[in-house]
C-alpha cells in the first residue's frame, strides 16, 4: 500500500457543519481544527462591536485573517485590521484585541494559533491559559449545551494515544 492510498485527499468542513457557540460576551466561536499533539488551534470568531479580548501573551505564532468588520490592538490603535487584512503575530507578543465601537456588523476573524494564550490580569500575571486542549473541551461542552450536538465534526489531528 502506498502513502497516496492511505491518506485522505482532503477533509472538508462547511460553515454549517460546525456551529458557532456563544462565549459569554455576545461574541461567538467556531473551532475548525485542533492539533492536540502540536498545540495548534484553528478558530473563527465573530466579535460584537466595542468588545475587547483580555490582554494576553502568545507562546507561539498566530496568523489572523479578517473576513468582515474592523479591529485593532489597544497597544497599536493606529493599525486597524479590516476585511481582507492578514496579520502575523510573533511568539511572545502581548496585546489587547479591541473591536471598533462603530462597527455595524460583527467582526469576523479566522485565527491559527500555535501554543497558548496566557491571559494576563492588571498586574501582568497569568490569569488563565487557553490552548488547543482547553478551547476544544470548551467548544465540545458549548456545542452540547447550546445546540444539543454531542460530537461536532471538528478536524482533530495529533490526538494523544
C-alpha atoms as a PDB file:
ATOM      1  CA  UNK A   1       0.000   0.000   0.000  1.00  0.00           C
ATOM      2  CA  UNK A   2       1.358   3.436  -0.925  1.00  0.00           C
ATOM      3  CA  UNK A   3       1.073   6.658   1.056  1.00  0.00           C
ATOM      4  CA  UNK A   4      -1.341   8.050  -1.544  1.00  0.00           C
ATOM      5  CA  UNK A   5      -3.642   5.089  -0.949  1.00  0.00           C
ATOM      6  CA  UNK A   6      -3.803   5.550   2.831  1.00  0.00           C
ATOM      7  CA  UNK A   7      -4.187   9.301   3.294  1.00  0.00           C
ATOM      8  CA  UNK A   8      -7.427  11.161   2.555  1.00  0.00           C
ATOM      9  CA  UNK A   9      -7.158  13.706  -0.253  1.00  0.00           C
ATOM     10  CA  UNK A  10      -8.724  16.409   1.932  1.00  0.00           C
ATOM     11  CA  UNK A  11     -11.101  16.935   4.846  1.00  0.00           C
ATOM     12  CA  UNK A  12     -13.811  19.481   4.121  1.00  0.00           C
ATOM     13  CA  UNK A  13     -15.924  21.309   6.674  1.00  0.00           C
ATOM     14  CA  UNK A  14     -18.554  23.804   5.566  1.00  0.00           C
ATOM     15  CA  UNK A  15     -19.588  26.710   7.764  1.00  0.00           C
ATOM     16  CA  UNK A  16     -22.873  24.993   8.651  1.00  0.00           C
ATOM     17  CA  UNK A  17     -21.081  21.778   9.733  1.00  0.00           C
ATOM     18  CA  UNK A  18     -19.595  23.407  12.838  1.00  0.00           C
ATOM     19  CA  UNK A  19     -21.886  25.625  14.910  1.00  0.00           C
ATOM     20  CA  UNK A  20     -20.884  28.945  16.359  1.00  0.00           C
ATOM     21  CA  UNK A  21     -21.152  28.958  20.153  1.00  0.00           C
ATOM     22  CA  UNK A  22     -21.633  31.904  22.480  1.00  0.00           C
ATOM     23  CA  UNK A  23     -18.527  32.728  24.501  1.00  0.00           C
ATOM     24  CA  UNK A  24     -20.176  34.864  27.150  1.00  0.00           C
ATOM     25  CA  UNK A  25     -19.965  38.417  25.844  1.00  0.00           C
ATOM     26  CA  UNK A  26     -22.253  38.183  22.821  1.00  0.00           C
ATOM     27  CA  UNK A  27     -19.387  37.068  20.614  1.00  0.00           C
ATOM     28  CA  UNK A  28     -19.204  33.602  19.089  1.00  0.00           C
ATOM     29  CA  UNK A  29     -16.596  30.924  18.441  1.00  0.00           C
ATOM     30  CA  UNK A  30     -16.293  28.179  15.852  1.00  0.00           C
ATOM     31  CA  UNK A  31     -13.491  25.627  16.285  1.00  0.00           C
ATOM     32  CA  UNK A  32     -12.395  24.305  12.913  1.00  0.00           C
ATOM     33  CA  UNK A  33      -9.365  22.175  13.774  1.00  0.00           C
ATOM     34  CA  UNK A  34      -7.120  21.264  16.672  1.00  0.00           C
ATOM     35  CA  UNK A  35      -3.787  19.511  16.651  1.00  0.00           C
ATOM     36  CA  UNK A  36      -3.621  18.306  20.233  1.00  0.00           C
ATOM     37  CA  UNK A  37      -0.058  16.972  19.992  1.00  0.00           C
ATOM     38  CA  UNK A  38       1.408  20.080  18.338  1.00  0.00           C
ATOM     39  CA  UNK A  39      -0.752  22.550  20.275  1.00  0.00           C
ATOM     40  CA  UNK A  40      -2.255  24.244  17.217  1.00  0.00           C
ATOM     41  CA  UNK A  41      -5.832  25.517  17.135  1.00  0.00           C
ATOM     42  CA  UNK A  42      -7.699  26.984  14.209  1.00  0.00           C
ATOM     43  CA  UNK A  43     -10.742  29.017  15.136  1.00  0.00           C
ATOM     44  CA  UNK A  44     -13.134  31.594  13.790  1.00  0.00           C
ATOM     45  CA  UNK A  45     -14.560  34.329  15.986  1.00  0.00           C
ATOM     46  CA  UNK A  46     -17.405  36.725  15.372  1.00  0.00           C
ATOM     47  CA  UNK A  47     -16.858  39.617  17.767  1.00  0.00           C
ATOM     48  CA  UNK A  48     -19.505  42.175  18.741  1.00  0.00           C
ATOM     49  CA  UNK A  49     -18.794  45.876  18.172  1.00  0.00           C
ATOM     50  CA  UNK A  50     -16.928  47.533  21.042  1.00  0.00           C
ATOM     51  CA  UNK A  51     -15.817  44.349  22.814  1.00  0.00           C
ATOM     52  CA  UNK A  52     -12.267  43.597  23.938  1.00  0.00           C
ATOM     53  CA  UNK A  53     -10.398  40.339  24.459  1.00  0.00           C
ATOM     54  CA  UNK A  54      -8.404  40.225  27.695  1.00  0.00           C
ATOM     55  CA  UNK A  55      -4.767  41.330  27.375  1.00  0.00           C
ATOM     56  CA  UNK A  56      -2.727  38.236  26.597  1.00  0.00           C
ATOM     57  CA  UNK A  57       0.701  36.894  25.617  1.00  0.00           C
ATOM     58  CA  UNK A  58       1.165  34.322  22.878  1.00  0.00           C
ATOM     59  CA  UNK A  59       3.593  31.462  23.457  1.00  0.00           C
ATOM     60  CA  UNK A  60       3.671  30.711  19.714  1.00  0.00           C
ATOM     61  CA  UNK A  61       2.934  32.371  16.398  1.00  0.00           C
ATOM     62  CA  UNK A  62      -0.571  33.472  15.389  1.00  0.00           C
ATOM     63  CA  UNK A  63      -1.938  34.020  11.883  1.00  0.00           C
ATOM     64  CA  UNK A  64      -5.142  36.045  11.512  1.00  0.00           C
ATOM     65  CA  UNK A  65      -7.352  36.873   8.546  1.00  0.00           C
ATOM     66  CA  UNK A  66     -10.229  39.328   8.876  1.00  0.00           C
ATOM     67  CA  UNK A  67     -13.334  38.426   6.861  1.00  0.00           C
ATOM     68  CA  UNK A  68     -15.566  41.316   7.980  1.00  0.00           C
ATOM     69  CA  UNK A  69     -15.603  44.259  10.365  1.00  0.00           C
ATOM     70  CA  UNK A  70     -12.628  46.040  11.919  1.00  0.00           C
ATOM     71  CA  UNK A  71     -10.417  45.610  14.994  1.00  0.00           C
ATOM     72  CA  UNK A  72      -7.056  46.633  16.369  1.00  0.00           C
ATOM     73  CA  UNK A  73      -4.822  46.199  19.376  1.00  0.00           C
ATOM     74  CA  UNK A  74      -5.173  48.833  22.063  1.00  0.00           C
ATOM     75  CA  UNK A  75      -1.374  48.892  22.174  1.00  0.00           C
ATOM     76  CA  UNK A  76      -1.208  49.875  18.464  1.00  0.00           C
ATOM     77  CA  UNK A  77      -4.542  51.561  17.793  1.00  0.00           C
ATOM     78  CA  UNK A  78      -3.397  53.160  14.531  1.00  0.00           C
ATOM     79  CA  UNK A  79      -3.016  49.745  12.845  1.00  0.00           C
ATOM     80  CA  UNK A  80      -6.590  48.681  12.082  1.00  0.00           C
ATOM     81  CA  UNK A  81      -7.425  45.261  10.667  1.00  0.00           C
ATOM     82  CA  UNK A  82     -10.291  45.487   8.168  1.00  0.00           C
ATOM     83  CA  UNK A  83     -11.935  42.942   5.862  1.00  0.00           C
ATOM     84  CA  UNK A  84      -9.235  41.357   3.720  1.00  0.00           C
ATOM     85  CA  UNK A  85      -6.421  42.097   6.203  1.00  0.00           C
ATOM     86  CA  UNK A  86      -3.857  39.464   7.155  1.00  0.00           C
ATOM     87  CA  UNK A  87      -1.951  39.776  10.432  1.00  0.00           C
ATOM     88  CA  UNK A  88       1.054  37.836  11.744  1.00  0.00           C
ATOM     89  CA  UNK A  89       1.680  37.856  15.496  1.00  0.00           C
ATOM     90  CA  UNK A  90       5.089  36.535  16.559  1.00  0.00           C
ATOM     91  CA  UNK A  91       5.554  34.341  19.604  1.00  0.00           C
ATOM     92  CA  UNK A  92       5.861  36.417  22.741  1.00  0.00           C
ATOM     93  CA  UNK A  93       3.632  39.249  21.514  1.00  0.00           C
ATOM     94  CA  UNK A  94       1.391  40.876  24.132  1.00  0.00           C
ATOM     95  CA  UNK A  95      -1.750  42.798  23.240  1.00  0.00           C
ATOM     96  CA  UNK A  96      -5.423  43.534  23.858  1.00  0.00           C
ATOM     97  CA  UNK A  97      -7.691  42.893  20.880  1.00  0.00           C
ATOM     98  CA  UNK A  98     -10.427  45.523  20.606  1.00  0.00           C
ATOM     99  CA  UNK A  99     -13.279  45.593  18.100  1.00  0.00           C
ATOM    100  CA  UNK A 100     -14.082  49.065  16.834  1.00  0.00           C
ATOM    101  CA  UNK A 101     -17.051  50.611  18.605  1.00  0.00           C
ATOM    102  CA  UNK A 102     -18.638  51.945  15.426  1.00  0.00           C
ATOM    103  CA  UNK A 103     -18.743  48.631  13.543  1.00  0.00           C
ATOM    104  CA  UNK A 104     -22.218  47.996  12.158  1.00  0.00           C
ATOM    105  CA  UNK A 105     -21.752  44.227  11.952  1.00  0.00           C
ATOM    106  CA  UNK A 106     -19.869  41.533  13.839  1.00  0.00           C
ATOM    107  CA  UNK A 107     -16.154  41.413  13.166  1.00  0.00           C
ATOM    108  CA  UNK A 108     -15.358  38.006  11.675  1.00  0.00           C
ATOM    109  CA  UNK A 109     -11.761  36.793  12.118  1.00  0.00           C
ATOM    110  CA  UNK A 110     -10.076  33.456  11.379  1.00  0.00           C
ATOM    111  CA  UNK A 111      -7.063  32.570  13.558  1.00  0.00           C
ATOM    112  CA  UNK A 112      -4.435  29.837  13.505  1.00  0.00           C
ATOM    113  CA  UNK A 113      -2.779  29.815  16.922  1.00  0.00           C
ATOM    114  CA  UNK A 114       0.373  27.889  17.830  1.00  0.00           C
ATOM    115  CA  UNK A 115       0.774  27.301  21.548  1.00  0.00           C
ATOM    116  CA  UNK A 116      -1.222  29.078  24.214  1.00  0.00           C
ATOM    117  CA  UNK A 117      -2.731  32.431  25.062  1.00  0.00           C
ATOM    118  CA  UNK A 118      -1.592  33.443  28.523  1.00  0.00           C
ATOM    119  CA  UNK A 119      -4.395  35.774  29.624  1.00  0.00           C
ATOM    120  CA  UNK A 120      -2.994  38.461  31.880  1.00  0.00           C
ATOM    121  CA  UNK A 121      -4.521  40.330  34.800  1.00  0.00           C
ATOM    122  CA  UNK A 122      -3.943  44.021  35.604  1.00  0.00           C
ATOM    123  CA  UNK A 123      -0.575  43.111  37.223  1.00  0.00           C
ATOM    124  CA  UNK A 124       0.567  41.196  34.114  1.00  0.00           C
ATOM    125  CA  UNK A 125       0.304  37.902  35.993  1.00  0.00           C
ATOM    126  CA  UNK A 126      -1.255  34.903  34.217  1.00  0.00           C
ATOM    127  CA  UNK A 127      -4.960  34.836  34.991  1.00  0.00           C
ATOM    128  CA  UNK A 128      -5.724  31.747  32.917  1.00  0.00           C
ATOM    129  CA  UNK A 129      -4.452  29.833  29.879  1.00  0.00           C
ATOM    130  CA  UNK A 130      -6.229  28.943  26.652  1.00  0.00           C
ATOM    131  CA  UNK A 131      -4.666  26.328  24.391  1.00  0.00           C
ATOM    132  CA  UNK A 132      -5.724  23.678  21.864  1.00  0.00           C
ATOM    133  CA  UNK A 133      -6.954  21.338  24.602  1.00  0.00           C
ATOM    134  CA  UNK A 134      -8.946  23.906  26.576  1.00  0.00           C
ATOM    135  CA  UNK A 135     -10.553  25.532  23.523  1.00  0.00           C
ATOM    136  CA  UNK A 136     -11.548  22.101  22.182  1.00  0.00           C
ATOM    137  CA  UNK A 137     -13.019  20.991  25.527  1.00  0.00           C
ATOM    138  CA  UNK A 138     -14.891  24.306  25.860  1.00  0.00           C
ATOM    139  CA  UNK A 139     -16.250  24.004  22.315  1.00  0.00           C
ATOM    140  CA  UNK A 140     -17.443  20.418  22.824  1.00  0.00           C
ATOM    141  CA  UNK A 141     -19.270  21.372  26.031  1.00  0.00           C
ATOM    142  CA  UNK A 142     -20.775  24.524  24.484  1.00  0.00           C
ATOM    143  CA  UNK A 143     -21.963  22.644  21.377  1.00  0.00           C
ATOM    144  CA  UNK A 144     -23.706  20.092  23.596  1.00  0.00           C
ATOM    145  CA  UNK A 145     -25.241  22.728  25.860  1.00  0.00           C
ATOM    146  CA  UNK A 146     -26.182  25.357  23.281  1.00  0.00           C
ATOM    147  CA  UNK A 147     -27.001  23.209  20.242  1.00  0.00           C
ATOM    148  CA  UNK A 148     -27.552  19.660  21.527  1.00  0.00           C
ATOM    149  CA  UNK A 149     -24.620  18.489  19.400  1.00  0.00           C
ATOM    150  CA  UNK A 150     -22.514  15.971  21.323  1.00  0.00           C
ATOM    151  CA  UNK A 151     -19.718  15.450  18.822  1.00  0.00           C
ATOM    152  CA  UNK A 152     -19.284  18.309  16.331  1.00  0.00           C
ATOM    153  CA  UNK A 153     -17.065  17.306  13.404  1.00  0.00           C
ATOM    154  CA  UNK A 154     -14.014  19.359  14.388  1.00  0.00           C
ATOM    155  CA  UNK A 155     -10.953  18.195  12.478  1.00  0.00           C
ATOM    156  CA  UNK A 156      -8.802  16.646  15.214  1.00  0.00           C
ATOM    157  CA  UNK A 157      -5.252  15.569  14.414  1.00  0.00           C
ATOM    158  CA  UNK A 158      -2.352  14.635  16.623  1.00  0.00           C
ATOM    159  CA  UNK A 159      -4.643  13.261  19.307  1.00  0.00           C
ATOM    160  CA  UNK A 160      -2.688  11.628  22.123  1.00  0.00           C
ATOM    161  CA  UNK A 161      -2.909   7.837  22.042  1.00  0.00           C
END
